[in-house]
Structures are given as C-alpha cells and as structure tokens.
Amino acid sequence: MKQPAVYIMANKRNGTLYTGVTSNLPQRAWQHREGAVEGFTQRYGCKSLVWFEMAPTMEAAIVREKQIKAGSRMKKLALVEGLNPDWDDLFASVAHG
C-alpha cells in the first residue's frame, strides 16, 4: 500500500507524541511498534498509532506534517481526541486494510 500519510504515535493516553510522515503507514507503524527505528519513538516508547490522515501526494503529506508539528501540543491532542477519543491503537485498522 503506497499511500502517503501523516500519523501520530503515542506511548500512552495524553503521553509523549510523535508526528511523522510515510508512504507506507502499515509498515512504518509496525517499525515503530517493534522498536525497529532508532530514535525518538524507540527512546520514548511511542508504539501506539493513535491518529493518521491519508494524503493525495507525498508533498501534501509533508506540508500537513509540518503544519501539525508547528502547532501546539493541545492541537495535536485535539486531533487525536477528534478521531480516536479512546486512544485505541489503530494499527490493526491500517495493517489489515
């Protein structure tokens, strides 16, 4: 599934958040879950996919990622709460199509 997407990973409800962009959300979310990617998400245990948004192009996804990253923590929390008020791990919903 080559589909540009912006996503937010979290370590727990209202916990540490990581915003990223990818062309393969199921693979990227799996890499974060398994700790296969060294860096921020591994260090802070951000293994739950709590929010995502598909984009028509990678350029659009990058613009949206920058917009989200430039916003406040409260805006990121509002995005998650709007899509996923229970902070469920959405990995299964993207991994199985």
PDB file of N, CA and C in Angstrom:
ATOM      1  N   MET A   1       0.843  -1.180   0.000  1.00  0.00           N
ATOM      2  CA  MET A   1       0.000   0.000   0.000  1.00  0.00           C
ATOM      3  C   MET A   1       0.885   1.239   0.000  1.00  0.00           C
ATOM      4  N   LYS A   2       1.112   1.803  -1.152  1.00  0.00           N
ATOM      5  CA  LYS A   2       1.883   3.044  -1.244  1.00  0.00           C
ATOM      6  C   LYS A   2       0.886   4.198  -1.249  1.00  0.00           C
ATOM      7  N   GLN A   3       0.655   4.724  -0.055  1.00  0.00           N
ATOM      8  CA  GLN A   3      -0.312   5.812   0.108  1.00  0.00           C
ATOM      9  C   GLN A   3       0.269   6.790   1.115  1.00  0.00           C
ATOM     10  N   PRO A   4       0.575   8.012   0.694  1.00  0.00           N
ATOM     11  CA  PRO A   4       1.134   8.984   1.641  1.00  0.00           C
ATOM     12  C   PRO A   4       0.197   9.214   2.824  1.00  0.00           C
ATOM     13  N   ALA A   5       0.793   9.339   3.996  1.00  0.00           N
ATOM     14  CA  ALA A   5       0.002   9.555   5.204  1.00  0.00           C
ATOM     15  C   ALA A   5       0.816  10.321   6.234  1.00  0.00           C
ATOM     16  N   VAL A   6       0.113  11.051   7.072  1.00  0.00           N
ATOM     17  CA  VAL A   6       0.679  11.714   8.244  1.00  0.00           C
ATOM     18  C   VAL A   6       0.117  10.954   9.437  1.00  0.00           C
ATOM     19  N   TYR A   7       0.921  10.780  10.473  1.00  0.00           N
ATOM     20  CA  TYR A   7       0.455   9.972  11.598  1.00  0.00           C
ATOM     21  C   TYR A   7       1.017  10.476  12.916  1.00  0.00           C
ATOM     22  N   ILE A   8       0.349  10.070  13.989  1.00  0.00           N
ATOM     23  CA  ILE A   8       0.826  10.381  15.335  1.00  0.00           C
ATOM     24  C   ILE A   8       0.915   9.073  16.112  1.00  0.00           C
ATOM     25  N   MET A   9       2.080   8.851  16.709  1.00  0.00           N
ATOM     26  CA  MET A   9       2.313   7.717  17.603  1.00  0.00           C
ATOM     27  C   MET A   9       2.339   8.258  19.030  1.00  0.00           C
ATOM     28  N   ALA A  10       1.918   7.433  19.992  1.00  0.00           N
ATOM     29  CA  ALA A  10       1.934   7.846  21.400  1.00  0.00           C
ATOM     30  C   ALA A  10       2.398   6.684  22.267  1.00  0.00           C
ATOM     31  N   ASN A  11       2.916   7.021  23.456  1.00  0.00           N
ATOM     32  CA  ASN A  11       3.318   5.964  24.377  1.00  0.00           C
ATOM     33  C   ASN A  11       2.196   5.614  25.360  1.00  0.00           C
ATOM     34  N   LYS A  12       1.229   6.519  25.521  1.00  0.00           N
ATOM     35  CA  LYS A  12       0.060   6.273  26.370  1.00  0.00           C
ATOM     36  C   LYS A  12      -0.920   7.417  26.145  1.00  0.00           C
ATOM     37  N   ARG A  13      -2.116   7.293  26.673  1.00  0.00           N
ATOM     38  CA  ARG A  13      -3.105   8.359  26.552  1.00  0.00           C
ATOM     39  C   ARG A  13      -2.522   9.647  27.136  1.00  0.00           C
ATOM     40  N   ASN A  14      -2.616  10.731  26.388  1.00  0.00           N
ATOM     41  CA  ASN A  14      -2.082  12.034  26.792  1.00  0.00           C
ATOM     42  C   ASN A  14      -0.588  12.001  27.096  1.00  0.00           C
ATOM     43  N   GLY A  15       0.118  11.023  26.559  1.00  0.00           N
ATOM     44  CA  GLY A  15       1.545  10.882  26.827  1.00  0.00           C
ATOM     45  C   GLY A  15       2.401  11.580  25.780  1.00  0.00           C
ATOM     46  N   THR A  16       3.587  11.027  25.563  1.00  0.00           N
ATOM     47  CA  THR A  16       4.518  11.572  24.582  1.00  0.00           C
ATOM     48  C   THR A  16       3.984  11.292  23.181  1.00  0.00           C
ATOM     49  N   LEU A  17       4.036  12.300  22.319  1.00  0.00           N
ATOM     50  CA  LEU A  17       3.527  12.184  20.955  1.00  0.00           C
ATOM     51  C   LEU A  17       4.659  12.330  19.951  1.00  0.00           C
ATOM     52  N   TYR A  18       4.544  11.591  18.855  1.00  0.00           N
ATOM     53  CA  TYR A  18       5.485  11.714  17.733  1.00  0.00           C
ATOM     54  C   TYR A  18       4.672  11.862  16.465  1.00  0.00           C
ATOM     55  N   THR A  19       4.956  12.881  15.684  1.00  0.00           N
ATOM     56  CA  THR A  19       4.280  13.107  14.406  1.00  0.00           C
ATOM     57  C   THR A  19       5.238  12.760  13.284  1.00  0.00           C
ATOM     58  N   GLY A  20       4.761  11.963  12.325  1.00  0.00           N
ATOM     59  CA  GLY A  20       5.610  11.560  11.212  1.00  0.00           C
ATOM     60  C   GLY A  20       4.847  11.514   9.908  1.00  0.00           C
ATOM     61  N   VAL A  21       5.589  11.246   8.836  1.00  0.00           N
ATOM     62  CA  VAL A  21       5.009  11.127   7.501  1.00  0.00           C
ATOM     63  C   VAL A  21       5.615   9.890   6.835  1.00  0.00           C
ATOM     64  N   THR A  22       4.836   9.206   6.009  1.00  0.00           N
ATOM     65  CA  THR A  22       5.304   7.981   5.370  1.00  0.00           C
ATOM     66  C   THR A  22       4.522   7.723   4.092  1.00  0.00           C
ATOM     67  N   SER A  23       5.060   6.857   3.249  1.00  0.00           N
ATOM     68  CA  SER A  23       4.321   6.421   2.060  1.00  0.00           C
ATOM     69  C   SER A  23       3.730   5.025   2.286  1.00  0.00           C
ATOM     70  N   ASN A  24       4.048   4.417   3.438  1.00  0.00           N
ATOM     71  CA  ASN A  24       3.559   3.071   3.734  1.00  0.00           C
ATOM     72  C   ASN A  24       3.230   2.996   5.231  1.00  0.00           C
ATOM     73  N   LEU A  25       2.032   3.424   5.591  1.00  0.00           N
ATOM     74  CA  LEU A  25       1.658   3.528   7.005  1.00  0.00           C
ATOM     75  C   LEU A  25       1.699   2.191   7.747  1.00  0.00           C
ATOM     76  N   PRO A  26       1.158   1.099   7.201  1.00  0.00           N
ATOM     77  CA  PRO A  26       1.224  -0.162   7.956  1.00  0.00           C
ATOM     78  C   PRO A  26       2.660  -0.573   8.290  1.00  0.00           C
ATOM     79  N   GLN A  27       3.554  -0.470   7.311  1.00  0.00           N
ATOM     80  CA  GLN A  27       4.953  -0.844   7.542  1.00  0.00           C
ATOM     81  C   GLN A  27       5.609   0.084   8.566  1.00  0.00           C
ATOM     82  N   ARG A  28       5.375   1.384   8.426  1.00  0.00           N
ATOM     83  CA  ARG A  28       6.018   2.350   9.328  1.00  0.00           C
ATOM     84  C   ARG A  28       5.510   2.204  10.758  1.00  0.00           C
ATOM     85  N   ALA A  29       4.204   2.037  10.907  1.00  0.00           N
ATOM     86  CA  ALA A  29       3.645   1.851  12.255  1.00  0.00           C
ATOM     87  C   ALA A  29       4.195   0.575  12.881  1.00  0.00           C
ATOM     88  N   TRP A  30       4.338  -0.479  12.086  1.00  0.00           N
ATOM     89  CA  TRP A  30       4.901  -1.734  12.593  1.00  0.00           C
ATOM     90  C   TRP A  30       6.343  -1.512  13.056  1.00  0.00           C
ATOM     91  N   GLN A  31       7.122  -0.753  12.276  1.00  0.00           N
ATOM     92  CA  GLN A  31       8.511  -0.478  12.656  1.00  0.00           C
ATOM     93  C   GLN A  31       8.571   0.248  14.005  1.00  0.00           C
ATOM     94  N   HIS A  32       7.676   1.197  14.215  1.00  0.00           N
ATOM     95  CA  HIS A  32       7.643   1.904  15.497  1.00  0.00           C
ATOM     96  C   HIS A  32       7.245   0.947  16.616  1.00  0.00           C
ATOM     97  N   ARG A  33       6.242   0.127  16.393  1.00  0.00           N
ATOM     98  CA  ARG A  33       5.755  -0.822  17.411  1.00  0.00           C
ATOM     99  C   ARG A  33       6.845  -1.788  17.858  1.00  0.00           C
ATOM    100  N   GLU A  34       7.633  -2.225  16.894  1.00  0.00           N
ATOM    101  CA  GLU A  34       8.662  -3.229  17.170  1.00  0.00           C
ATOM    102  C   GLU A  34       9.977  -2.618  17.653  1.00  0.00           C
ATOM    103  N   GLY A  35      10.045  -1.290  17.676  1.00  0.00           N
ATOM    104  CA  GLY A  35      11.288  -0.633  18.094  1.00  0.00           C
ATOM    105  C   GLY A  35      12.388  -0.779  17.063  1.00  0.00           C
ATOM    106  N   ALA A  36      12.001  -1.016  15.802  1.00  0.00           N
ATOM    107  CA  ALA A  36      12.975  -1.235  14.730  1.00  0.00           C
ATOM    108  C   ALA A  36      13.596   0.069  14.237  1.00  0.00           C
ATOM    109  N   VAL A  37      13.035   1.196  14.650  1.00  0.00           N
ATOM    110  CA  VAL A  37      13.532   2.500  14.222  1.00  0.00           C
ATOM    111  C   VAL A  37      14.202   3.175  15.413  1.00  0.00           C
ATOM    112  N   GLU A  38      15.513   3.361  15.323  1.00  0.00           N
ATOM    113  CA  GLU A  38      16.207   4.042  16.419  1.00  0.00           C
ATOM    114  C   GLU A  38      15.817   5.506  16.433  1.00  0.00           C
ATOM    115  N   GLY A  39      15.767   6.064  17.628  1.00  0.00           N
ATOM    116  CA  GLY A  39      15.468   7.482  17.725  1.00  0.00           C
ATOM    117  C   GLY A  39      14.352   7.757  18.711  1.00  0.00           C
ATOM    118  N   PHE A  40      13.619   8.811  18.426  1.00  0.00           N
ATOM    119  CA  PHE A  40      12.645   9.352  19.371  1.00  0.00           C
ATOM    120  C   PHE A  40      11.599   8.336  19.811  1.00  0.00           C
ATOM    121  N   THR A  41      10.944   7.683  18.840  1.00  0.00           N
ATOM    122  CA  THR A  41       9.849   6.779  19.219  1.00  0.00           C
ATOM    123  C   THR A  41      10.360   5.588  20.014  1.00  0.00           C
ATOM    124  N   GLN A  42      11.538   5.104  19.683  1.00  0.00           N
ATOM    125  CA  GLN A  42      12.113   3.993  20.446  1.00  0.00           C
ATOM    126  C   GLN A  42      12.478   4.449  21.862  1.00  0.00           C
ATOM    127  N   ARG A  43      13.095   5.607  21.965  1.00  0.00           N
ATOM    128  CA  ARG A  43      13.536   6.133  23.257  1.00  0.00           C
ATOM    129  C   ARG A  43      12.359   6.390  24.195  1.00  0.00           C
ATOM    130  N   TYR A  44      11.245   6.889  23.652  1.00  0.00           N
ATOM    131  CA  TYR A  44      10.099   7.246  24.488  1.00  0.00           C
ATOM    132  C   TYR A  44       8.978   6.216  24.464  1.00  0.00           C
ATOM    133  N   GLY A  45       9.185   5.104  23.780  1.00  0.00           N
ATOM    134  CA  GLY A  45       8.193   4.031  23.778  1.00  0.00           C
ATOM    135  C   GLY A  45       6.896   4.386  23.074  1.00  0.00           C
ATOM    136  N   CYS A  46       6.969   5.192  22.031  1.00  0.00           N
ATOM    137  CA  CYS A  46       5.762   5.579  21.270  1.00  0.00           C
ATOM    138  C   CYS A  46       5.431   4.459  20.292  1.00  0.00           C
ATOM    139  N   LYS A  47       4.600   3.514  20.741  1.00  0.00           N
ATOM    140  CA  LYS A  47       4.307   2.321  19.950  1.00  0.00           C
ATOM    141  C   LYS A  47       2.872   2.240  19.472  1.00  0.00           C
ATOM    142  N   SER A  48       2.015   3.146  19.918  1.00  0.00           N
ATOM    143  CA  SER A  48       0.602   3.107  19.535  1.00  0.00           C
ATOM    144  C   SER A  48       0.307   4.146  18.456  1.00  0.00           C
ATOM    145  N   LEU A  49      -0.276   3.683  17.361  1.00  0.00           N
ATOM    146  CA  LEU A  49      -0.734   4.574  16.303  1.00  0.00           C
ATOM    147  C   LEU A  49      -2.081   5.131  16.751  1.00  0.00           C
ATOM    148  N   VAL A  50      -2.114   6.412  17.123  1.00  0.00           N
ATOM    149  CA  VAL A  50      -3.346   6.975  17.694  1.00  0.00           C
ATOM    150  C   VAL A  50      -4.084   7.924  16.746  1.00  0.00           C
ATOM    151  N   TRP A  51      -3.427   8.332  15.654  1.00  0.00           N
ATOM    152  CA  TRP A  51      -4.072   9.223  14.692  1.00  0.00           C
ATOM    153  C   TRP A  51      -3.356   9.104  13.369  1.00  0.00           C
ATOM    154  N   PHE A  52      -4.111   9.183  12.276  1.00  0.00           N
ATOM    155  CA  PHE A  52      -3.493   9.258  10.963  1.00  0.00           C
ATOM    156  C   PHE A  52      -4.444   9.926   9.987  1.00  0.00           C
ATOM    157  N   GLU A  53      -3.849  10.408   8.904  1.00  0.00           N
ATOM    158  CA  GLU A  53      -4.614  11.074   7.861  1.00  0.00           C
ATOM    159  C   GLU A  53      -3.933  10.768   6.534  1.00  0.00           C
ATOM    160  N   MET A  54      -4.678  10.228   5.591  1.00  0.00           N
ATOM    161  CA  MET A  54      -4.122   9.935   4.271  1.00  0.00           C
ATOM    162  C   MET A  54      -4.020  11.242   3.475  1.00  0.00           C
ATOM    163  N   ALA A  55      -3.075  11.269   2.550  1.00  0.00           N
ATOM    164  CA  ALA A  55      -2.868  12.459   1.717  1.00  0.00           C
ATOM    165  C   ALA A  55      -2.807  12.038   0.257  1.00  0.00           C
ATOM    166  N   PRO A  56      -3.199  12.925  -0.647  1.00  0.00           N
ATOM    167  CA  PRO A  56      -3.195  12.565  -2.067  1.00  0.00           C
ATOM    168  C   PRO A  56      -1.786  12.421  -2.650  1.00  0.00           C
ATOM    169  N   THR A  57      -0.839  13.185  -2.121  1.00  0.00           N
ATOM    170  CA  THR A  57       0.546  13.131  -2.598  1.00  0.00           C
ATOM    171  C   THR A  57       1.494  13.216  -1.402  1.00  0.00           C
ATOM    172  N   MET A  58       2.732  12.805  -1.622  1.00  0.00           N
ATOM    173  CA  MET A  58       3.734  12.908  -0.557  1.00  0.00           C
ATOM    174  C   MET A  58       3.988  14.375  -0.219  1.00  0.00           C
ATOM    175  N   GLU A  59       3.959  15.234  -1.216  1.00  0.00           N
ATOM    176  CA  GLU A  59       4.164  16.661  -0.962  1.00  0.00           C
ATOM    177  C   GLU A  59       3.078  17.198  -0.027  1.00  0.00           C
ATOM    178  N   ALA A  60       1.835  16.811  -0.273  1.00  0.00           N
ATOM    179  CA  ALA A  60       0.727  17.249   0.584  1.00  0.00           C
ATOM    180  C   ALA A  60       0.885  16.693   2.000  1.00  0.00           C
ATOM    181  N   ALA A  61       1.357  15.456   2.102  1.00  0.00           N
ATOM    182  CA  ALA A  61       1.566  14.840   3.417  1.00  0.00           C
ATOM    183  C   ALA A  61       2.641  15.593   4.199  1.00  0.00           C
ATOM    184  N   ILE A  62       3.712  15.979   3.519  1.00  0.00           N
ATOM    185  CA  ILE A  62       4.802  16.707   4.180  1.00  0.00           C
ATOM    186  C   ILE A  62       4.336  18.088   4.637  1.00  0.00           C
ATOM    187  N   VAL A  63       3.557  18.759   3.806  1.00  0.00           N
ATOM    188  CA  VAL A  63       3.006  20.071   4.189  1.00  0.00           C
ATOM    189  C   VAL A  63       2.139  19.916   5.436  1.00  0.00           C
ATOM    190  N   ARG A  64       1.293  18.889   5.465  1.00  0.00           N
ATOM    191  CA  ARG A  64       0.404  18.658   6.613  1.00  0.00           C
ATOM    192  C   ARG A  64       1.216  18.301   7.865  1.00  0.00           C
ATOM    193  N   GLU A  65       2.249  17.477   7.710  1.00  0.00           N
ATOM    194  CA  GLU A  65       3.110  17.125   8.841  1.00  0.00           C
ATOM    195  C   GLU A  65       3.743  18.380   9.446  1.00  0.00           C
ATOM    196  N   LYS A  66       4.260  19.255   8.595  1.00  0.00           N
ATOM    197  CA  LYS A  66       4.885  20.497   9.083  1.00  0.00           C
ATOM    198  C   LYS A  66       3.868  21.367   9.804  1.00  0.00           C
ATOM    199  N   GLN A  67       2.649  21.403   9.264  1.00  0.00           N
ATOM    200  CA  GLN A  67       1.571  22.185   9.883  1.00  0.00           C
ATOM    201  C   GLN A  67       1.267  21.641  11.282  1.00  0.00           C
ATOM    202  N   ILE A  68       1.174  20.323  11.398  1.00  0.00           N
ATOM    203  CA  ILE A  68       0.875  19.701  12.697  1.00  0.00           C
ATOM    204  C   ILE A  68       2.031  19.921  13.675  1.00  0.00           C
ATOM    205  N   LYS A  69       3.255  19.702  13.208  1.00  0.00           N
ATOM    206  CA  LYS A  69       4.432  19.874  14.075  1.00  0.00           C
ATOM    207  C   LYS A  69       4.570  21.316  14.558  1.00  0.00           C
ATOM    208  N   ALA A  70       4.147  22.272  13.734  1.00  0.00           N
ATOM    209  CA  ALA A  70       4.248  23.680  14.106  1.00  0.00           C
ATOM    210  C   ALA A  70       3.161  24.069  15.108  1.00  0.00           C
ATOM    211  N   GLY A  71       2.123  23.255  15.205  1.00  0.00           N
ATOM    212  CA  GLY A  71       1.022  23.547  16.119  1.00  0.00           C
ATOM    213  C   GLY A  71       1.367  23.184  17.550  1.00  0.00           C
ATOM    214  N   SER A  72       0.504  23.562  18.443  1.00  0.00           N
ATOM    215  CA  SER A  72       0.717  23.302  19.863  1.00  0.00           C
ATOM    216  C   SER A  72       0.402  21.851  20.212  1.00  0.00           C
ATOM    217  N   ARG A  73       0.860  21.435  21.372  1.00  0.00           N
ATOM    218  CA  ARG A  73       0.519  20.109  21.886  1.00  0.00           C
ATOM    219  C   ARG A  73      -1.004  19.967  22.010  1.00  0.00           C
ATOM    220  N   MET A  74      -1.667  21.025  22.439  1.00  0.00           N
ATOM    221  CA  MET A  74      -3.123  20.985  22.583  1.00  0.00           C
ATOM    222  C   MET A  74      -3.799  20.684  21.243  1.00  0.00           C
ATOM    223  N   LYS A  75      -3.273  21.240  20.154  1.00  0.00           N
ATOM    224  CA  LYS A  75      -3.852  20.972  18.832  1.00  0.00           C
ATOM    225  C   LYS A  75      -3.647  19.508  18.434  1.00  0.00           C
ATOM    226  N   LYS A  76      -2.482  18.961  18.769  1.00  0.00           N
ATOM    227  CA  LYS A  76      -2.228  17.543  18.471  1.00  0.00           C
ATOM    228  C   LYS A  76      -3.164  16.656  19.285  1.00  0.00           C
ATOM    229  N   LEU A  77      -3.330  16.980  20.562  1.00  0.00           N
ATOM    230  CA  LEU A  77      -4.240  16.209  21.410  1.00  0.00           C
ATOM    231  C   LEU A  77      -5.666  16.292  20.869  1.00  0.00           C
ATOM    232  N   ALA A  78      -6.059  17.466  20.365  1.00  0.00           N
ATOM    233  CA  ALA A  78      -7.403  17.641  19.806  1.00  0.00           C
ATOM    234  C   ALA A  78      -7.587  16.797  18.547  1.00  0.00           C
ATOM    235  N   LEU A  79      -6.538  16.681  17.722  1.00  0.00           N
ATOM    236  CA  LEU A  79      -6.613  15.821  16.540  1.00  0.00           C
ATOM    237  C   LEU A  79      -6.881  14.379  16.954  1.00  0.00           C
ATOM    238  N   VAL A  80      -6.092  13.901  17.927  1.00  0.00           N
ATOM    239  CA  VAL A  80      -6.254  12.516  18.392  1.00  0.00           C
ATOM    240  C   VAL A  80      -7.637  12.321  18.987  1.00  0.00           C
ATOM    241  N   GLU A  81      -8.036  13.219  19.878  1.00  0.00           N
ATOM    242  CA  GLU A  81      -9.340  13.093  20.540  1.00  0.00           C
ATOM    243  C   GLU A  81     -10.488  13.125  19.531  1.00  0.00           C
ATOM    244  N   GLY A  82     -10.331  13.906  18.452  1.00  0.00           N
ATOM    245  CA  GLY A  82     -11.383  14.006  17.447  1.00  0.00           C
ATOM    246  C   GLY A  82     -11.586  12.720  16.663  1.00  0.00           C
ATOM    247  N   LEU A  83     -10.495  12.061  16.328  1.00  0.00           N
ATOM    248  CA  LEU A  83     -10.557  10.817  15.546  1.00  0.00           C
ATOM    249  C   LEU A  83     -10.680   9.599  16.444  1.00  0.00           C
ATOM    250  N   ASN A  84     -10.040   9.654  17.598  1.00  0.00           N
ATOM    251  CA  ASN A  84      -9.828   8.461  18.411  1.00  0.00           C
ATOM    252  C   ASN A  84      -9.951   8.815  19.898  1.00  0.00           C
ATOM    253  N   PRO A  85     -11.169   9.130  20.359  1.00  0.00           N
ATOM    254  CA  PRO A  85     -11.334   9.611  21.740  1.00  0.00           C
ATOM    255  C   PRO A  85     -10.906   8.612  22.823  1.00  0.00           C
ATOM    256  N   ASP A  86     -10.875   7.331  22.488  1.00  0.00           N
ATOM    257  CA  ASP A  86     -10.449   6.316  23.469  1.00  0.00           C
ATOM    258  C   ASP A  86      -8.952   6.017  23.388  1.00  0.00           C
ATOM    259  N   TRP A  87      -8.257   6.691  22.490  1.00  0.00           N
ATOM    260  CA  TRP A  87      -6.812   6.490  22.309  1.00  0.00           C
ATOM    261  C   TRP A  87      -6.482   5.025  22.012  1.00  0.00           C
ATOM    262  N   ASP A  88      -7.331   4.380  21.217  1.00  0.00           N
ATOM    263  CA  ASP A  88      -7.056   2.993  20.824  1.00  0.00           C
ATOM    264  C   ASP A  88      -5.857   2.974  19.888  1.00  0.00           C
ATOM    265  N   ASP A  89      -5.149   1.834  19.876  1.00  0.00           N
ATOM    266  CA  ASP A  89      -4.072   1.649  18.910  1.00  0.00           C
ATOM    267  C   ASP A  89      -4.728   1.295  17.577  1.00  0.00           C
ATOM    268  N   LEU A  90      -4.562   2.139  16.579  1.00  0.00           N
ATOM    269  CA  LEU A  90      -5.220   1.968  15.288  1.00  0.00           C
ATOM    270  C   LEU A  90      -4.428   1.087  14.322  1.00  0.00           C
ATOM    271  N   PHE A  91      -3.356   0.486  14.802  1.00  0.00           N
ATOM    272  CA  PHE A  91      -2.501  -0.317  13.925  1.00  0.00           C
ATOM    273  C   PHE A  91      -3.284  -1.392  13.190  1.00  0.00           C
ATOM    274  N   ALA A  92      -4.138  -2.125  13.883  1.00  0.00           N
ATOM    275  CA  ALA A  92      -4.896  -3.217  13.253  1.00  0.00           C
ATOM    276  C   ALA A  92      -5.766  -2.706  12.105  1.00  0.00           C
ATOM    277  N   SER A  93      -6.298  -1.504  12.247  1.00  0.00           N
ATOM    278  CA  SER A  93      -7.175  -0.965  11.196  1.00  0.00           C
ATOM    279  C   SER A  93      -6.420  -0.595   9.936  1.00  0.00           C
ATOM    280  N   VAL A  94      -5.126  -0.297  10.045  1.00  0.00           N
ATOM    281  CA  VAL A  94      -4.350   0.019   8.843  1.00  0.00           C
ATOM    282  C   VAL A  94      -3.579  -1.196   8.351  1.00  0.00           C
ATOM    283  N   ALA A  95      -3.232  -2.109   9.249  1.00  0.00           N
ATOM    284  CA  ALA A  95      -2.449  -3.272   8.880  1.00  0.00           C
ATOM    285  C   ALA A  95      -3.264  -4.254   8.036  1.00  0.00           C
ATOM    286  N   HIS A  96      -4.574  -4.271   8.264  1.00  0.00           N
ATOM    287  CA  HIS A  96      -5.423  -5.237   7.566  1.00  0.00           C
ATOM    288  C   HIS A  96      -6.331  -4.566   6.557  1.00  0.00           C
ATOM    289  N   GLY A  97      -5.989  -3.347   6.224  1.00  0.00           N
ATOM    290  CA  GLY A  97      -6.641  -2.653   5.144  1.00  0.00           C
ATOM    291  C   GLY A  97      -7.974  -2.098   5.423  1.00  0.00           C
TER     292      GLY A  97
END
